Amino acid sequence: MLYSNEHNFTFIKTRKTAGTSVEIALSRYCSSSSDIVTPLVPEDERIRQEKSGGVYPRNYKFTLLDWCTLPFRIYDERRLYRNFDIRLLKGKYWNHVGGRIIKNRLGENMERSYVFTVERDPWDKIVSLYYWLLRYLNKNGAEFSFDVFFDEGWVEWLSDYHLYAEGGEVFVDAIIDFDFLGDGLDKVADQLSRPNWQQGFIRSLSAKKTSLGSKQSHAQLFDERKKDKVRVMFAREIQLFDFREDPLVEKAVCGPFLFSAG
């Protein structure tokens, strides 16, 4: 999660949508004393220092006053939590903190801020997490099959709808389509009158787009039982953004933004 008071933007980080890369790219615009930068894992923090010119995590911890009022805040914000998260006790803001919680804590500062995020179709999200886990666990497909991965509950927490929407209402200003990430960030730059922000690195993020061939290959991993489960778990995103199971069928919204308030 990033908040820049000087440059007037808030970035909400969703899962498996190149969120860390976006944070690294935009952290250089969060260098003032009032900005908020949540921590990355050590390896990614080193990359951030190289790309951002030395911007470190800041203002994500509770102050003494925050600690004194924490029980009241948790009670006040209880409806904003999908489920209790231990990170609520560790930091005021964290990597995948939801927009409602940010707004409740930033107040009018977020009201003035341009708030954006990135979303991706659920089938690609799931497959991306699977291949990431193979690398992280140092296993191959024979040792850790997609079927085992799917049934062990890894995908249960992948829905990010609650980070940017509630009850069918989107409460951010823009949601970038992961498949048009570079173009989407360009449009955000236009909104913020920041046409020169790290263009080279931003444009390189376009390479993260999932190719049609890959999408077709991914689709073959889902039998009807898995498809039914995905339809239930991601029903709100599928309806809101018209995501399609068949990669050959284009969704109604095709372009850098899945949603734009303006």
Protein backbone atom coordinates (compact mmCIF):
# COMPACT_ATOMS: atom_id res chain seq x y z
CA MET A 1 0.00 0.00 0.00
CA LEU A 2 1.21 3.47 -0.87
CA TYR A 3 -0.11 6.91 0.02
CA SER A 4 1.44 10.08 -1.36
CA ASN A 5 0.22 13.30 0.17
CA GLU A 6 2.37 15.45 -2.13
CA HIS A 7 1.37 13.70 -5.35
CA ASN A 8 -2.18 12.98 -4.23
CA PHE A 9 -2.55 9.23 -4.83
CA THR A 10 -3.29 6.06 -2.89
CA PHE A 11 -2.39 2.64 -4.28
CA ILE A 12 -4.25 -0.38 -2.89
CA LYS A 13 -2.30 -3.58 -3.40
CA THR A 14 -4.22 -6.65 -4.55
CA ARG A 15 -2.83 -10.19 -4.79
CA LYS A 16 -1.02 -11.69 -7.79
CA THR A 17 -1.43 -8.52 -9.86
CA ALA A 18 2.19 -7.26 -9.96
CA GLY A 19 1.41 -5.17 -6.87
CA THR A 20 4.97 -5.33 -5.57
CA SER A 21 6.34 -4.16 -8.91
CA VAL A 22 3.91 -1.23 -8.91
CA GLU A 23 4.92 -0.34 -5.35
CA ILE A 24 8.59 -0.40 -6.31
CA ALA A 25 7.91 1.78 -9.35
CA LEU A 26 5.91 4.41 -7.49
CA SER A 27 7.65 4.52 -4.11
CA ARG A 28 9.89 7.37 -5.24
CA TYR A 29 6.77 9.57 -5.14
CA CYS A 30 6.21 8.75 -1.47
CA SER A 31 9.25 10.44 0.05
CA SER A 32 7.65 13.19 2.13
CA SER A 33 7.33 12.91 5.91
CA SER A 34 3.53 12.46 5.76
CA ASP A 35 3.50 9.72 3.11
CA ILE A 36 2.81 6.05 3.86
CA VAL A 37 4.89 3.17 2.50
CA THR A 38 4.27 -0.37 3.76
CA PRO A 39 7.17 -2.87 3.97
CA LEU A 40 8.14 -5.43 1.35
CA VAL A 41 10.09 -8.63 1.91
CA PRO A 42 13.86 -7.97 2.29
CA GLU A 43 14.77 -8.95 -1.27
CA ASP A 44 12.15 -6.64 -2.74
CA GLU A 45 13.10 -3.85 -0.34
CA ARG A 46 16.63 -3.93 -1.76
CA ILE A 47 15.22 -3.55 -5.27
CA ARG A 48 13.02 -0.68 -4.08
CA GLN A 49 16.03 1.18 -2.71
CA GLU A 50 17.76 0.91 -6.08
CA LYS A 51 14.71 2.07 -8.04
CA SER A 52 13.28 4.69 -5.68
CA GLY A 53 16.40 6.52 -4.63
CA GLY A 54 16.23 5.41 -1.02
CA VAL A 55 12.56 5.50 -0.02
CA TYR A 56 12.05 3.24 3.00
CA PRO A 57 8.84 2.02 4.68
CA ARG A 58 7.32 4.83 6.72
CA ASN A 59 4.28 5.78 8.78
CA TYR A 60 2.76 2.29 8.70
CA LYS A 61 3.21 1.62 12.44
CA PHE A 62 0.92 2.57 15.27
CA THR A 63 1.81 5.65 17.28
CA LEU A 64 1.48 5.65 21.07
CA LEU A 65 -1.89 7.36 20.73
CA ASP A 66 -2.97 4.72 18.19
CA TRP A 67 -2.08 1.96 20.67
CA CYS A 68 -4.06 3.66 23.41
CA THR A 69 -7.17 3.84 21.24
CA LEU A 70 -6.68 0.54 19.40
CA PRO A 71 -9.46 -1.45 21.15
CA PHE A 72 -11.97 1.28 20.35
CA ARG A 73 -10.76 1.46 16.75
CA ILE A 74 -11.06 -2.31 16.23
CA TYR A 75 -14.58 -2.20 17.65
CA ASP A 76 -15.46 0.75 15.41
CA GLU A 77 -13.93 -0.90 12.32
CA ARG A 78 -15.12 -4.46 12.95
CA ARG A 79 -17.58 -4.37 10.06
CA LEU A 80 -14.71 -3.49 7.69
CA TYR A 81 -12.81 -6.72 8.29
CA ARG A 82 -13.57 -9.77 6.17
CA ASN A 83 -12.06 -11.75 9.06
CA PHE A 84 -9.75 -10.92 11.93
CA ASP A 85 -6.13 -10.52 10.82
CA ILE A 86 -3.20 -10.53 13.25
CA ARG A 87 -1.73 -7.68 11.20
CA LEU A 88 -4.39 -5.46 12.75
CA LEU A 89 -2.30 -5.63 15.92
CA LYS A 90 1.07 -5.30 14.21
CA GLY A 91 0.63 -2.25 12.04
CA LYS A 92 -1.70 0.59 11.20
CA TYR A 93 -1.29 -0.18 7.50
CA TRP A 94 0.04 -3.28 5.75
CA ASN A 95 0.58 -4.59 2.23
CA HIS A 96 -2.96 -5.73 1.42
CA VAL A 97 -4.93 -3.40 3.67
CA GLY A 98 -8.44 -2.66 2.40
CA GLY A 99 -9.65 0.66 1.09
CA ARG A 100 -12.36 1.07 3.74
CA ILE A 101 -9.82 0.70 6.54
CA ILE A 102 -7.43 3.14 4.84
CA LYS A 103 -10.24 5.66 4.43
CA ASN A 104 -11.34 5.25 8.03
CA ARG A 105 -7.79 5.93 9.23
CA LEU A 106 -6.68 8.57 6.73
CA GLY A 107 -9.99 10.43 6.80
CA GLU A 108 -10.25 13.50 4.60
CA ASN A 109 -6.71 12.96 3.26
CA MET A 110 -7.97 9.93 1.35
CA GLU A 111 -11.07 11.83 0.23
CA ARG A 112 -8.74 14.18 -1.67
CA SER A 113 -6.54 11.36 -2.96
CA TYR A 114 -6.80 9.57 -6.31
CA VAL A 115 -7.26 5.93 -5.25
CA PHE A 116 -6.44 3.12 -7.67
CA THR A 117 -5.69 -0.58 -7.74
CA VAL A 118 -5.15 -3.47 -10.17
CA GLU A 119 -7.36 -6.50 -10.76
CA ARG A 120 -6.93 -9.71 -12.73
CA ASP A 121 -9.26 -12.45 -13.87
CA PRO A 122 -9.57 -15.17 -11.19
CA TRP A 123 -8.35 -18.06 -13.32
CA ASP A 124 -5.05 -16.31 -14.09
CA LYS A 125 -4.77 -15.24 -10.46
CA ILE A 126 -5.10 -18.81 -9.25
CA VAL A 127 -2.60 -20.21 -11.74
CA SER A 128 -0.15 -17.40 -10.96
CA LEU A 129 -0.30 -18.26 -7.25
CA TYR A 130 0.22 -21.94 -8.06
CA TYR A 131 3.41 -21.33 -10.06
CA TRP A 132 4.65 -18.89 -7.45
CA LEU A 133 4.20 -21.56 -4.77
CA LEU A 134 6.09 -24.11 -6.87
CA ARG A 135 9.05 -21.74 -6.91
CA TYR A 136 8.68 -20.78 -3.27
CA LEU A 137 8.43 -24.41 -2.09
CA ASN A 138 11.09 -25.53 -4.57
CA LYS A 139 8.82 -28.25 -5.92
CA ASN A 140 7.71 -29.41 -9.34
CA GLY A 141 4.25 -30.24 -10.65
CA ALA A 142 4.67 -33.94 -9.86
CA GLU A 143 5.47 -33.18 -6.22
CA PHE A 144 2.76 -30.56 -5.81
CA SER A 145 0.02 -30.93 -8.40
CA PHE A 146 -2.51 -28.28 -9.33
CA ASP A 147 -5.27 -30.55 -8.00
CA VAL A 148 -3.60 -30.76 -4.59
CA PHE A 149 -2.95 -27.02 -4.56
CA PHE A 150 -6.55 -26.23 -5.45
CA ASP A 151 -8.05 -28.55 -2.82
CA GLU A 152 -5.74 -27.51 0.03
CA GLY A 153 -7.44 -24.13 0.34
CA TRP A 154 -4.76 -21.92 -1.19
CA VAL A 155 -7.28 -20.13 -3.40
CA GLU A 156 -9.82 -19.39 -0.67
CA TRP A 157 -8.23 -16.03 0.23
CA LEU A 158 -7.45 -14.80 -3.29
CA SER A 159 -10.58 -12.71 -3.77
CA ASP A 160 -9.71 -9.02 -3.33
CA TYR A 161 -13.18 -7.63 -3.93
CA HIS A 162 -13.41 -6.39 -0.32
CA LEU A 163 -10.29 -4.25 -0.82
CA TYR A 164 -11.95 -1.96 -3.38
CA ALA A 165 -15.72 -2.60 -3.29
CA GLU A 166 -18.58 -3.34 -0.95
CA GLY A 167 -22.13 -4.42 -1.66
CA GLY A 168 -21.71 -3.91 -5.40
CA GLU A 169 -20.34 -0.38 -4.92
CA VAL A 170 -16.79 0.34 -6.02
CA PHE A 171 -15.19 2.90 -3.70
CA VAL A 172 -11.92 3.57 -5.55
CA ASP A 173 -11.36 5.95 -8.46
CA ALA A 174 -9.85 3.46 -10.92
CA ILE A 175 -9.21 -0.27 -11.27
CA ILE A 176 -6.54 -1.15 -13.81
CA ASP A 177 -6.89 -4.33 -15.86
CA PHE A 178 -3.78 -6.43 -15.22
CA ASP A 179 -3.69 -7.33 -18.91
CA PHE A 180 -3.18 -3.62 -19.71
CA LEU A 181 -1.03 -2.74 -16.71
CA GLY A 182 1.46 -0.44 -18.41
CA ASP A 183 -1.25 1.47 -20.27
CA GLY A 184 -3.35 1.67 -17.12
CA LEU A 185 -0.52 3.19 -15.12
CA ASP A 186 0.02 5.68 -17.95
CA LYS A 187 -3.62 6.74 -17.60
CA VAL A 188 -3.22 7.12 -13.85
CA ALA A 189 -0.15 9.28 -14.53
CA ASP A 190 -2.26 11.46 -16.81
CA GLN A 191 -4.89 11.83 -14.08
CA LEU A 192 -2.20 12.93 -11.65
CA SER A 193 -0.35 15.11 -14.17
CA ARG A 194 2.75 12.95 -13.71
CA PRO A 195 3.60 12.12 -17.35
CA ASN A 196 7.28 11.44 -16.60
CA TRP A 197 7.02 9.03 -13.69
CA GLN A 198 9.54 6.22 -14.24
CA GLN A 199 8.30 5.56 -17.74
CA GLY A 200 10.89 2.90 -18.52
CA PHE A 201 10.04 0.80 -15.51
CA ILE A 202 6.31 1.38 -15.89
CA ARG A 203 6.39 0.30 -19.53
CA SER A 204 8.32 -2.85 -18.60
CA LEU A 205 5.36 -3.91 -16.47
CA SER A 206 3.38 -4.47 -19.66
CA ALA A 207 5.46 -7.62 -20.11
CA LYS A 208 3.55 -9.11 -17.18
CA LYS A 209 0.44 -9.41 -19.32
CA THR A 210 -0.74 -13.00 -19.63
CA SER A 211 -0.65 -14.03 -23.30
CA LEU A 212 -3.65 -15.58 -25.02
CA GLY A 213 -1.72 -18.83 -25.42
CA SER A 214 -0.99 -18.92 -21.70
CA LYS A 215 -4.61 -18.19 -20.89
CA GLN A 216 -5.73 -21.08 -23.07
CA SER A 217 -3.19 -23.33 -21.38
CA HIS A 218 -4.34 -22.18 -17.94
CA ALA A 219 -7.98 -22.86 -18.81
CA GLN A 220 -7.18 -26.53 -19.33
CA LEU A 221 -6.18 -26.85 -15.68
CA PHE A 222 -9.77 -26.26 -14.54
CA ASP A 223 -12.24 -29.14 -14.72
CA GLU A 224 -15.94 -28.49 -14.14
CA ARG A 225 -15.65 -28.99 -10.38
CA LYS A 226 -12.92 -26.35 -10.15
CA LYS A 227 -14.78 -24.01 -12.49
CA ASP A 228 -17.88 -24.25 -10.31
CA LYS A 229 -15.85 -23.42 -7.21
CA VAL A 230 -14.21 -20.41 -8.91
CA ARG A 231 -17.62 -19.14 -10.03
CA VAL A 232 -18.76 -19.15 -6.40
CA MET A 233 -15.58 -17.76 -4.80
CA PHE A 234 -15.16 -14.96 -7.34
CA ALA A 235 -18.82 -14.38 -8.23
CA ARG A 236 -18.67 -10.65 -7.39
CA GLU A 237 -15.60 -9.94 -9.52
CA ILE A 238 -16.90 -12.03 -12.41
CA GLN A 239 -20.17 -10.13 -12.41
CA LEU A 240 -18.65 -6.70 -11.87
CA PHE A 241 -15.94 -6.96 -14.54
CA ASP A 242 -17.51 -9.49 -16.91
CA PHE A 243 -14.54 -11.86 -16.59
CA ARG A 244 -14.84 -14.81 -18.98
CA GLU A 245 -13.79 -18.43 -18.45
CA ASP A 246 -13.12 -18.87 -22.16
CA PRO A 247 -10.04 -16.76 -23.06
CA LEU A 248 -11.23 -16.55 -26.66
CA VAL A 249 -14.36 -14.66 -25.60
CA GLU A 250 -13.65 -10.98 -25.01
CA LYS A 251 -15.17 -9.33 -21.96
CA ALA A 252 -17.44 -6.34 -22.45
CA VAL A 253 -14.92 -3.97 -20.88
CA CYS A 254 -11.70 -4.06 -22.87
CA GLY A 255 -9.05 -1.46 -22.13
CA PRO A 256 -6.68 -0.19 -19.46
CA PHE A 257 -9.38 0.41 -16.84
CA LEU A 258 -11.86 -2.20 -15.64
CA PHE A 259 -13.51 0.64 -13.74
CA SER A 260 -13.13 4.41 -13.69
CA ALA A 261 -15.13 6.83 -11.60
CA GLY A 262 -14.39 9.71 -13.94
